[in-house]
């Protein structure tokens, strides 16, 4: 497998980027989200930016229409 120059990648190309799809994807960061939202009273947009910067976790907000 060829090496990847991490400096040249944009966020969307970063292979380490985590975008949750299943409920299980949230478990590794659930405690951090709870801390930021409930304990530190961060607003959702700020929480999302912190999660991106600290945990490479990229989530969107809105209603899930999946059944």
C-alpha atoms as a PDB file:
ATOM      1  CA  UNK A   1       0.000   0.000   0.000  1.00  0.00           C
ATOM      2  CA  UNK A   2       1.507   3.401  -0.955  1.00  0.00           C
ATOM      3  CA  UNK A   3       2.177   5.905   1.789  1.00  0.00           C
ATOM      4  CA  UNK A   4      -0.103   8.928   2.136  1.00  0.00           C
ATOM      5  CA  UNK A   5       1.246  12.451   2.567  1.00  0.00           C
ATOM      6  CA  UNK A   6      -0.982  13.614   5.442  1.00  0.00           C
ATOM      7  CA  UNK A   7       0.077  17.251   5.035  1.00  0.00           C
ATOM      8  CA  UNK A   8      -1.363  17.452   1.537  1.00  0.00           C
ATOM      9  CA  UNK A   9      -4.780  16.066   2.414  1.00  0.00           C
ATOM     10  CA  UNK A  10      -7.877  18.134   3.031  1.00  0.00           C
ATOM     11  CA  UNK A  11     -10.199  17.136   5.903  1.00  0.00           C
ATOM     12  CA  UNK A  12     -12.531  15.299   3.527  1.00  0.00           C
ATOM     13  CA  UNK A  13      -9.640  13.236   2.143  1.00  0.00           C
ATOM     14  CA  UNK A  14      -8.173  12.325   5.536  1.00  0.00           C
ATOM     15  CA  UNK A  15      -8.347   8.526   5.847  1.00  0.00           C
ATOM     16  CA  UNK A  16      -8.425   8.854   9.648  1.00  0.00           C
ATOM     17  CA  UNK A  17     -11.617  10.906   9.498  1.00  0.00           C
ATOM     18  CA  UNK A  18     -14.534   9.303  11.323  1.00  0.00           C
ATOM     19  CA  UNK A  19     -18.046  10.061  10.152  1.00  0.00           C
ATOM     20  CA  UNK A  20     -20.635   8.179  12.196  1.00  0.00           C
ATOM     21  CA  UNK A  21     -23.087   6.005  10.340  1.00  0.00           C
ATOM     22  CA  UNK A  22     -24.150   3.441  12.935  1.00  0.00           C
ATOM     23  CA  UNK A  23     -24.971   3.784  16.635  1.00  0.00           C
ATOM     24  CA  UNK A  24     -21.733   1.928  17.407  1.00  0.00           C
ATOM     25  CA  UNK A  25     -19.709   4.708  15.753  1.00  0.00           C
ATOM     26  CA  UNK A  26     -20.702   7.090  18.561  1.00  0.00           C
ATOM     27  CA  UNK A  27     -19.572   4.904  21.468  1.00  0.00           C
ATOM     28  CA  UNK A  28     -15.846   5.783  21.417  1.00  0.00           C
ATOM     29  CA  UNK A  29     -16.647   9.517  21.695  1.00  0.00           C
ATOM     30  CA  UNK A  30     -19.855   9.458  23.747  1.00  0.00           C
ATOM     31  CA  UNK A  31     -18.106  10.449  26.984  1.00  0.00           C
ATOM     32  CA  UNK A  32     -16.317  13.389  25.309  1.00  0.00           C
ATOM     33  CA  UNK A  33     -19.577  14.636  23.773  1.00  0.00           C
ATOM     34  CA  UNK A  34     -21.367  14.371  27.115  1.00  0.00           C
ATOM     35  CA  UNK A  35     -18.572  16.300  28.847  1.00  0.00           C
ATOM     36  CA  UNK A  36     -18.566  19.096  26.278  1.00  0.00           C
ATOM     37  CA  UNK A  37     -22.343  19.458  26.029  1.00  0.00           C
ATOM     38  CA  UNK A  38     -23.655  18.844  29.531  1.00  0.00           C
ATOM     39  CA  UNK A  39     -20.714  19.708  31.785  1.00  0.00           C
ATOM     40  CA  UNK A  40     -19.073  22.512  29.791  1.00  0.00           C
ATOM     41  CA  UNK A  41     -22.370  23.820  28.325  1.00  0.00           C
ATOM     42  CA  UNK A  42     -20.925  24.102  24.821  1.00  0.00           C
ATOM     43  CA  UNK A  43     -23.248  24.946  21.956  1.00  0.00           C
ATOM     44  CA  UNK A  44     -23.700  22.284  19.295  1.00  0.00           C
ATOM     45  CA  UNK A  45     -21.681  24.047  16.586  1.00  0.00           C
ATOM     46  CA  UNK A  46     -18.778  24.585  18.996  1.00  0.00           C
ATOM     47  CA  UNK A  47     -19.009  20.990  20.220  1.00  0.00           C
ATOM     48  CA  UNK A  48     -18.811  19.764  16.632  1.00  0.00           C
ATOM     49  CA  UNK A  49     -15.701  21.843  15.950  1.00  0.00           C
ATOM     50  CA  UNK A  50     -14.009  20.528  19.098  1.00  0.00           C
ATOM     51  CA  UNK A  51     -14.845  16.935  18.169  1.00  0.00           C
ATOM     52  CA  UNK A  52     -13.393  17.466  14.701  1.00  0.00           C
ATOM     53  CA  UNK A  53     -10.177  18.999  16.047  1.00  0.00           C
ATOM     54  CA  UNK A  54      -9.573  16.684  19.017  1.00  0.00           C
ATOM     55  CA  UNK A  55     -11.056  13.387  17.874  1.00  0.00           C
ATOM     56  CA  UNK A  56     -11.167  13.635  14.067  1.00  0.00           C
ATOM     57  CA  UNK A  57     -14.902  12.936  14.457  1.00  0.00           C
ATOM     58  CA  UNK A  58     -17.147  14.577  11.870  1.00  0.00           C
ATOM     59  CA  UNK A  59     -20.876  14.434  12.536  1.00  0.00           C
ATOM     60  CA  UNK A  60     -23.770  16.353  11.088  1.00  0.00           C
ATOM     61  CA  UNK A  61     -26.866  17.439  12.907  1.00  0.00           C
ATOM     62  CA  UNK A  62     -30.475  17.075  11.936  1.00  0.00           C
ATOM     63  CA  UNK A  63     -33.180  14.491  12.016  1.00  0.00           C
ATOM     64  CA  UNK A  64     -32.320  10.990  11.036  1.00  0.00           C
ATOM     65  CA  UNK A  65     -34.838   9.552   8.617  1.00  0.00           C
ATOM     66  CA  UNK A  66     -33.319   6.080   8.687  1.00  0.00           C
ATOM     67  CA  UNK A  67     -35.607   3.333   9.901  1.00  0.00           C
END
